[in-house]
Protein backbone atom coordinates (compact mmCIF):
# COMPACT_ATOMS: atom_id res chain seq x y z
CA MET A 1 -12.98 -6.59 26.91
CA GLU A 2 -14.06 -4.46 23.79
CA LEU A 3 -13.01 -0.82 22.35
CA ASN A 4 -16.98 0.94 21.78
CA LEU A 5 -15.97 4.70 19.03
CA MET A 6 -18.18 7.08 20.83
CA ASN A 7 -20.21 10.16 18.82
CA ARG A 8 -20.25 13.15 18.89
CA GLU A 9 -22.67 12.73 22.20
CA GLU A 10 -20.91 10.86 24.06
CA LEU A 11 -17.99 12.36 23.81
CA THR A 12 -19.07 15.24 24.52
CA ALA A 13 -21.03 13.67 28.20
CA PHE A 14 -17.46 11.74 28.87
CA TYR A 15 -15.07 14.35 28.43
CA GLN A 16 -17.52 17.08 30.44
CA GLY A 17 -18.47 13.33 33.25
CA GLU A 18 -14.39 12.72 33.65
CA MET A 19 -11.31 14.35 31.69
CA VAL A 20 -11.90 17.27 33.63
CA VAL A 21 -11.15 15.63 36.42
CA ASP A 22 -8.89 13.36 35.31
CA PHE A 23 -6.70 16.07 34.34
CA PRO A 24 -5.62 18.93 34.58
CA HIS A 25 -7.00 21.65 32.54
CA ALA A 26 -3.43 22.54 31.45
CA GLU A 27 -3.18 19.76 30.04
CA LEU A 28 -6.68 18.88 27.80
CA LYS A 29 -7.03 19.92 24.87
CA PRO A 30 -9.74 21.58 24.41
CA LEU A 31 -12.80 19.34 23.27
CA ALA A 32 -13.40 21.12 20.25
CA ALA A 33 -10.11 20.51 18.53
CA MET A 34 -11.76 16.34 19.61
CA LEU A 35 -14.68 17.15 17.55
CA ARG A 36 -13.11 18.90 15.06
CA LEU A 37 -11.13 16.29 14.29
CA MET A 38 -13.86 13.71 14.32
CA ASP A 39 -15.80 15.51 12.09
CA LEU A 40 -12.22 15.69 9.56
CA GLY A 41 -12.29 11.01 10.30
CA ARG A 42 -8.70 11.78 12.26
CA TYR A 43 -9.79 10.74 15.48
CA ASP A 44 -11.02 8.12 17.31
CA PRO A 45 -12.63 8.20 21.03
CA LEU A 46 -12.75 5.05 22.48
CA LEU A 47 -14.98 3.30 25.67
CA VAL A 48 -13.85 0.90 26.91
CA THR A 49 -15.95 -1.73 27.87
CA GLU A 50 -15.80 -5.10 30.30
CA ARG A 51 -19.25 -8.03 30.21
CA GLY A 52 -20.91 -4.24 28.89
CA GLU A 53 -19.45 -2.08 31.75
CA ALA A 54 -17.00 1.03 30.82
CA VAL A 55 -14.38 0.42 32.77
CA GLY A 56 -11.52 2.76 30.12
CA TYR A 57 -10.58 5.14 27.47
CA ALA A 58 -8.25 5.84 24.97
CA MET A 59 -7.88 9.11 22.80
CA LEU A 60 -6.12 8.76 19.57
CA TRP A 61 -5.33 11.31 17.19
CA LEU A 62 -5.28 9.37 13.49
CA PRO A 63 -2.56 10.18 10.70
CA GLU A 64 -4.15 10.73 7.09
CA SER A 65 -2.72 8.10 6.26
CA ARG A 66 -3.66 6.05 9.10
CA ALA A 67 -0.34 5.04 9.54
CA GLY A 68 -0.84 4.04 13.19
CA ALA A 69 -2.23 6.33 15.98
CA LEU A 70 -1.25 9.25 18.76
CA LEU A 71 -2.50 7.41 21.80
CA GLU A 72 -3.44 11.45 23.57
CA TYR A 73 -5.49 10.21 26.63
CA LEU A 74 -5.63 6.55 28.18
CA GLY A 75 -7.49 5.91 31.56
CA VAL A 76 -8.68 3.36 33.35
CA LEU A 77 -11.97 5.11 35.34
CA ARG A 78 -12.22 5.45 38.89
CA GLY A 79 -13.07 2.11 40.96
CA ARG A 80 -10.77 -0.21 38.44
CA ARG A 81 -7.59 0.71 38.50
CA ASN A 82 -4.69 -0.71 40.06
CA GLY A 83 -6.14 -3.82 38.53
CA GLY A 84 -4.09 -4.41 34.85
CA LEU A 85 -6.75 -2.56 33.05
CA GLY A 86 -4.42 -0.26 31.19
CA ALA A 87 -2.52 -2.63 30.61
CA LYS A 88 -4.85 -4.61 28.23
CA ILE A 89 -5.86 -1.48 26.89
CA LEU A 90 -3.16 -1.13 25.44
CA GLU A 91 -2.66 -4.73 23.96
CA LEU A 92 -5.83 -4.18 21.70
CA LEU A 93 -4.81 -1.04 20.99
CA GLY A 94 -1.85 -2.49 19.38
CA ALA A 95 -3.69 -4.90 17.76
CA ARG A 96 -6.28 -2.28 16.35
CA TYR A 97 -3.82 0.70 14.94
CA GLY A 98 -0.62 -1.59 14.02
CA GLN A 99 1.74 1.69 15.23
CA LEU A 100 0.99 3.75 18.26
CA PHE A 101 2.63 7.03 19.14
CA GLY A 102 2.79 8.30 22.97
CA GLU A 103 4.63 11.63 24.26
CA ALA A 104 5.37 11.58 28.28
CA GLU A 105 6.31 14.13 30.08
CA LYS A 106 10.54 14.23 30.43
CA PRO A 107 11.02 14.70 34.12
CA ASN A 108 12.99 17.15 34.27
CA SER A 109 11.13 19.16 36.88
CA GLU A 110 12.44 21.00 39.43
CA ASP A 111 10.00 19.18 41.40
CA PRO A 112 10.69 15.42 42.92
CA SER A 113 8.13 14.01 43.65
CA GLU A 114 6.83 15.35 39.81
CA ASN A 115 10.10 13.46 38.26
CA SER A 116 9.35 9.68 40.51
CA LEU A 117 5.36 10.09 38.47
CA ARG A 118 6.36 11.04 35.29
CA ARG A 119 9.45 7.77 35.40
CA ARG A 120 7.07 5.33 35.88
CA ARG A 121 4.23 6.87 33.64
CA ILE A 122 7.52 6.04 31.27
CA ALA A 123 8.09 2.85 33.01
CA PHE A 124 4.83 1.79 32.67
CA TYR A 125 4.49 2.05 28.86
CA GLU A 126 8.34 0.73 28.42
CA ARG A 127 6.95 -3.02 30.17
CA ASN A 128 3.70 -2.34 27.76
CA GLY A 129 5.67 -2.79 24.41
CA PHE A 130 6.98 0.82 23.61
CA ARG A 131 10.45 2.09 23.57
CA VAL A 132 11.68 5.17 23.72
CA LEU A 133 12.62 6.91 20.53
CA ASP A 134 16.13 9.44 20.19
CA TYR A 135 14.15 12.39 19.88
CA GLU A 136 12.07 14.32 21.74
CA CYS A 137 9.73 17.32 21.25
CA ALA A 138 7.83 19.72 22.95
CA LEU A 139 4.03 20.63 22.60
CA PHE A 140 2.48 24.36 23.55
CA GLY A 141 5.45 24.41 26.10
CA VAL A 142 6.07 21.21 27.44
CA HIS A 143 8.56 19.78 27.15
CA PHE A 144 8.25 15.17 25.95
CA ASN A 145 10.30 11.82 25.43
CA CYS A 146 8.91 10.01 22.76
CA LEU A 147 7.90 6.79 22.76
CA TYR A 148 6.53 4.30 20.24
CA ARG A 149 5.16 1.06 19.94
CA GLY A 150 4.86 -1.14 16.70
CA PRO A 151 7.08 -2.79 14.20
CA GLU A 152 9.09 -0.14 12.63
CA THR A 153 12.80 0.16 13.45
CA ASP A 154 14.28 3.54 11.75
CA ASP A 155 13.48 6.22 14.75
CA ARG A 156 13.66 9.21 11.65
CA LYS A 157 10.66 6.83 9.72
CA VAL A 158 8.84 7.33 13.02
CA GLU A 159 9.36 11.60 13.60
CA ALA A 160 8.25 11.66 10.04
CA LEU A 161 5.23 10.15 10.61
CA HIS A 162 4.53 11.22 14.48
CA ARG A 163 5.08 15.17 12.81
CA ARG A 164 2.90 14.52 10.09
CA VAL A 165 -0.04 13.82 12.69
CA TYR A 166 0.44 17.61 13.70
CA ALA A 167 1.24 19.45 10.14
CA GLU A 168 -1.90 17.62 8.57
CA TYR A 169 -3.61 19.76 10.84
CA PHE A 170 -1.91 22.61 11.55
CA SER A 171 -1.35 26.29 9.15
CA PRO A 172 2.74 26.01 9.13
CA ALA A 173 2.86 29.48 11.07
CA HIS A 174 0.83 27.23 13.57
CA MET A 175 3.72 25.02 13.98
CA GLU A 176 6.25 27.33 13.95
CA ARG A 177 5.57 29.02 16.97
CA TYR A 178 3.26 25.74 19.02
CA ILE A 179 5.47 22.60 17.60
CA GLN A 180 9.01 22.00 17.93
CA LEU A 181 8.89 17.90 17.10
CA PRO A 182 11.78 17.14 16.80
CA LEU A 183 13.48 19.41 20.00
CA ALA A 184 16.45 19.91 19.00
CA PRO A 185 19.46 19.45 21.33
CA GLY A 186 20.40 21.87 23.56
CA GLU A 187 17.29 24.15 22.00
CA ALA A 188 14.88 26.15 24.11
CA VAL A 189 11.01 25.26 24.76
CA LYS A 190 9.01 28.07 23.57
CA PRO A 191 6.83 29.52 25.87
CA ALA A 192 3.12 28.16 25.38
CA PRO A 193 -0.41 29.01 28.00
CA GLU A 194 -1.31 25.85 26.53
CA TRP A 195 -2.45 24.05 23.79
CA VAL A 196 -4.08 27.21 21.52
CA GLU A 197 -6.41 26.54 18.63
CA GLU A 198 -6.61 27.69 15.21
CA ALA A 199 -8.73 30.58 13.64
CA PHE A 200 -10.22 27.14 11.39
CA PRO A 201 -12.28 27.62 8.47
CA SER A 202 -15.60 26.02 8.16
CA LEU A 203 -17.61 25.29 5.04
CA ALA A 204 -21.06 26.32 4.97
CA GLY A 205 -23.48 25.20 1.35
CA TYR A 206 -24.57 28.22 -0.70
CA ASP A 207 -27.89 29.53 -0.95
CA GLU A 208 -29.56 31.35 -2.74
CA SER A 209 -30.10 34.33 -0.64
CA ARG A 210 -26.44 34.81 -0.64
CA GLU A 211 -25.89 35.55 -5.00
CA LYS A 212 -24.95 38.73 -4.61
CA ASP A 213 -21.90 37.36 -2.46
CA ALA A 214 -21.52 33.90 -4.66
CA VAL A 215 -21.29 36.22 -7.81
CA ARG A 216 -18.42 38.27 -6.30
CA LEU A 217 -16.57 35.61 -5.10
CA ILE A 218 -16.94 33.59 -8.42
CA GLN A 219 -15.81 36.48 -10.64
CA GLY A 220 -12.80 36.94 -8.51
CA PHE A 221 -11.83 33.36 -8.75
CA TRP A 222 -11.85 34.12 -12.75
CA LEU A 223 -9.89 37.39 -12.54
CA ALA A 224 -7.33 35.63 -9.69
CA HIS A 225 -7.24 32.86 -11.67
CA SER A 226 -7.65 33.60 -15.93
CA ARG A 227 -6.94 37.40 -15.34
CA TYR A 228 -9.83 37.79 -16.72
CA HIS A 229 -12.81 40.29 -15.54
CA GLN A 230 -15.89 38.15 -15.66
CA THR A 231 -19.46 40.10 -15.89
CA GLU A 232 -22.41 39.86 -13.57
CA GLU A 233 -24.35 37.65 -16.18
CA GLU A 234 -21.14 35.08 -16.14
CA ALA A 235 -21.21 34.73 -13.05
CA LYS A 236 -24.28 33.97 -12.50
CA ALA A 237 -24.64 31.66 -15.78
CA ASP A 238 -21.45 29.51 -13.38
CA LEU A 239 -22.91 30.21 -10.52
CA ARG A 240 -26.49 27.81 -12.38
CA ALA A 241 -23.92 25.67 -13.50
CA TRP A 242 -22.09 25.25 -9.68
CA THR A 243 -25.08 24.61 -7.54
CA GLY A 244 -26.94 22.67 -10.34
CA ALA A 245 -27.50 18.97 -10.42
CA ASP A 246 -24.47 16.78 -9.51
CA HIS A 247 -22.69 19.55 -7.40
CA LYS A 248 -22.25 21.68 -4.45
CA LEU A 249 -21.18 24.66 -3.72
CA TYR A 250 -19.89 26.20 -0.47
CA PHE A 251 -18.88 29.12 1.02
CA ILE A 252 -15.90 28.61 2.95
CA THR A 253 -16.03 30.78 6.32
CA LEU A 254 -13.59 32.19 9.64
CA GLY A 255 -16.13 32.72 11.46
CA ASP A 256 -18.45 35.47 10.62
CA ILE A 257 -16.61 36.18 7.58
CA THR A 258 -16.59 34.68 3.94
CA VAL A 259 -13.09 34.34 3.14
CA GLY A 260 -13.43 31.65 -0.06
CA LEU A 261 -15.41 29.37 -2.12
CA LEU A 262 -15.44 25.51 -2.78
CA HIS A 263 -16.91 24.05 -5.82
CA LEU A 264 -17.50 20.30 -5.33
CA GLY A 265 -18.58 18.42 -8.86
CA SER A 266 -19.41 14.95 -10.41
CA ARG A 267 -18.64 13.38 -13.51
CA GLY A 268 -20.97 10.43 -13.45
CA GLY A 269 -21.37 8.78 -9.98
CA LYS A 270 -21.21 10.60 -6.44
CA ILE A 271 -19.31 13.59 -5.41
CA ASP A 272 -15.14 13.15 -6.35
CA TRP A 273 -13.71 15.89 -7.77
CA LEU A 274 -12.59 19.18 -6.32
CA GLU A 275 -13.69 21.57 -9.24
CA ASP A 276 -12.91 24.85 -7.97
CA LEU A 277 -11.16 26.25 -5.06
CA PHE A 278 -11.10 30.04 -4.54
CA VAL A 279 -9.94 31.95 -1.08
CA LEU A 280 -9.11 36.12 -1.45
CA PRO A 281 -5.45 37.46 -2.37
CA GLU A 282 -6.14 39.03 1.66
CA TYR A 283 -6.58 35.70 3.73
CA GLN A 284 -4.08 33.61 1.26
CA GLY A 285 -0.50 32.15 2.87
CA ARG A 286 -3.14 31.00 5.91
CA GLY A 287 -3.41 27.87 5.03
CA ILE A 288 -7.04 27.74 4.60
CA GLY A 289 -7.32 26.39 1.34
CA SER A 290 -5.48 22.82 2.92
CA GLN A 291 -7.98 23.36 5.36
CA ALA A 292 -10.77 24.06 3.36
CA VAL A 293 -9.60 20.27 0.68
CA ARG A 294 -9.72 18.42 4.37
CA LEU A 295 -12.94 19.39 5.01
CA ALA A 296 -14.26 18.27 1.57
CA GLU A 297 -12.20 15.25 1.70
CA ALA A 298 -14.01 14.46 5.17
CA MET A 299 -17.66 14.61 3.10
CA VAL A 300 -16.26 12.47 0.47
CA ARG A 301 -14.72 9.74 1.81
CA GLN A 302 -18.18 8.99 3.66
CA TYR A 303 -19.20 7.91 -0.39
CA SER A 304 -16.16 7.71 -2.13
CA GLN A 305 -12.77 5.69 -2.48
CA SER A 306 -11.01 9.06 -3.66
CA MET A 307 -11.51 12.79 -4.32
CA TYR A 308 -10.29 14.12 -7.78
CA ILE A 309 -8.47 17.64 -8.40
CA GLU A 310 -7.50 19.01 -12.13
CA ALA A 311 -4.61 21.63 -11.78
CA ALA A 312 -3.43 23.63 -14.71
CA ALA A 313 0.27 22.75 -15.08
CA ARG A 314 0.87 26.46 -15.03
CA ASN A 315 -0.17 26.59 -11.68
CA GLU A 316 2.58 25.11 -10.06
CA ARG A 317 1.15 26.43 -6.93
CA ALA A 318 -1.60 24.75 -6.94
CA VAL A 319 0.04 21.68 -7.85
CA ARG A 320 2.99 22.28 -5.12
CA LEU A 321 -0.04 22.30 -2.77
CA TYR A 322 -1.83 19.46 -4.03
CA ARG A 323 0.87 17.39 -3.19
CA ARG A 324 1.08 18.28 -0.71
CA LEU A 325 -2.04 17.83 0.67
CA GLY A 326 -1.38 13.80 -0.77
CA TYR A 327 -2.61 14.20 -3.93
CA ASP A 328 0.17 12.01 -5.75
CA CYS A 329 -1.70 9.97 -8.23
CA LEU A 330 -1.39 10.67 -11.80
CA ASN A 331 -4.81 10.47 -13.52
CA THR A 332 -5.11 11.65 -16.56
CA VAL A 333 -3.53 14.44 -18.65
CA THR A 334 -5.26 16.91 -20.69
CA ILE A 335 -3.66 17.25 -24.15
CA ARG A 336 -4.95 20.90 -25.31
CA LYS A 337 -3.19 22.21 -28.97
CA ASP A 338 -3.11 25.85 -29.51
CA PHE A 339 -4.15 27.16 -33.01
CA PRO A 340 -2.08 29.61 -35.37
CA GLY A 341 -2.19 33.58 -33.88
CA TYR A 342 -2.24 31.97 -29.99
CA ASP A 343 0.58 33.90 -28.39
CA TYR A 344 2.07 32.35 -25.78
CA ASP A 345 5.14 31.78 -23.19
CA VAL A 346 6.25 27.85 -22.75
CA VAL A 347 7.31 28.08 -19.04
CA ARG A 348 9.20 24.89 -19.21
CA GLU A 349 9.12 21.55 -20.79
CA GLU A 350 7.33 18.07 -19.21
CA ARG A 351 7.75 14.26 -20.85
CA VAL A 352 4.81 12.33 -19.91
CA CYS A 353 5.22 8.51 -21.15
CA GLY A 354 8.40 8.99 -23.09
CA GLU A 355 6.95 12.31 -25.23
CA ARG A 356 8.16 15.94 -24.81
CA PHE A 357 5.56 18.83 -24.55
CA GLU A 358 5.21 22.38 -23.85
CA ILE A 359 4.01 24.34 -20.73
CA ARG A 360 2.97 27.55 -21.66
CA LYS A 361 1.19 30.54 -20.40
CA ASP A 362 -1.07 33.13 -21.83
CA LYS A 363 2.13 36.32 -23.30
CA ASP A 364 1.82 38.95 -20.93
């Protein structure tokens, strides 16, 4: 028996031909969400074959750390059920991912037959190496028991990994509204119609027909970051540099609206630096910048083991954002010497390699 990773076209055909039949609409994650996660490198749609014949499938959502996987859907194809294939598939998945998270609807329905089905489902997972965790969750209005198969014995650590799968995808506002993980004892489940997808940003490559848009955004970037009112010629000079050899400039779009820009650049070797990121002030606070960075990471991941970011030490908001996104390796340190006549305020002091340094900003 083999696990075969499907591509976008194969997943689309399988979803429309099999999954819409196997699952009620309310229980199906939108295909668009699966495809988007595939683009981010965080979704494994697996077709299970035996001697070249398709017998089942598994859909797994991966955390950024690749520490395990959330098993969203597990199925055996019609005509091959009740033959022990589900257990064999779980064995293969356990060997492939090491840790598996699961969610099974809690047996609290008013329908006794539905509760019996839910209990049998949980019992199946328990027979195959899963344990029921000491916390529960509610996702888009549905109450779940949480399951785990793997070496970790601390449920708090499992809970943190489990929650991270969702928190690395949805904005904080969406998490607050729809993802109750964990669900506190006695906490009411927040109603929701079904899976609710956010309006996620996309990256669109720059082309010369949109020079004016790019100039406007570059001017906005410098005004926001340095309070500098850049001339049109200065912005055009930056545009030439940001679209030159070994550089890529992208517009951040939300539907048909351009809301920011993202600039990748190479400093030797392949593109691996996030040089500049800007989201228009009226669109900030929605997680758009975080999502844009993750889209850039998905591109860079194709050819590089790392992506690098520089941030001014005084820009605490940016530093905290990048740290939340997993940038935890202190790689290089830029040290500056200010000459007499520069008027500044000291934001704070830091020690690096045992030496004291000041974090400064222009005096207001």
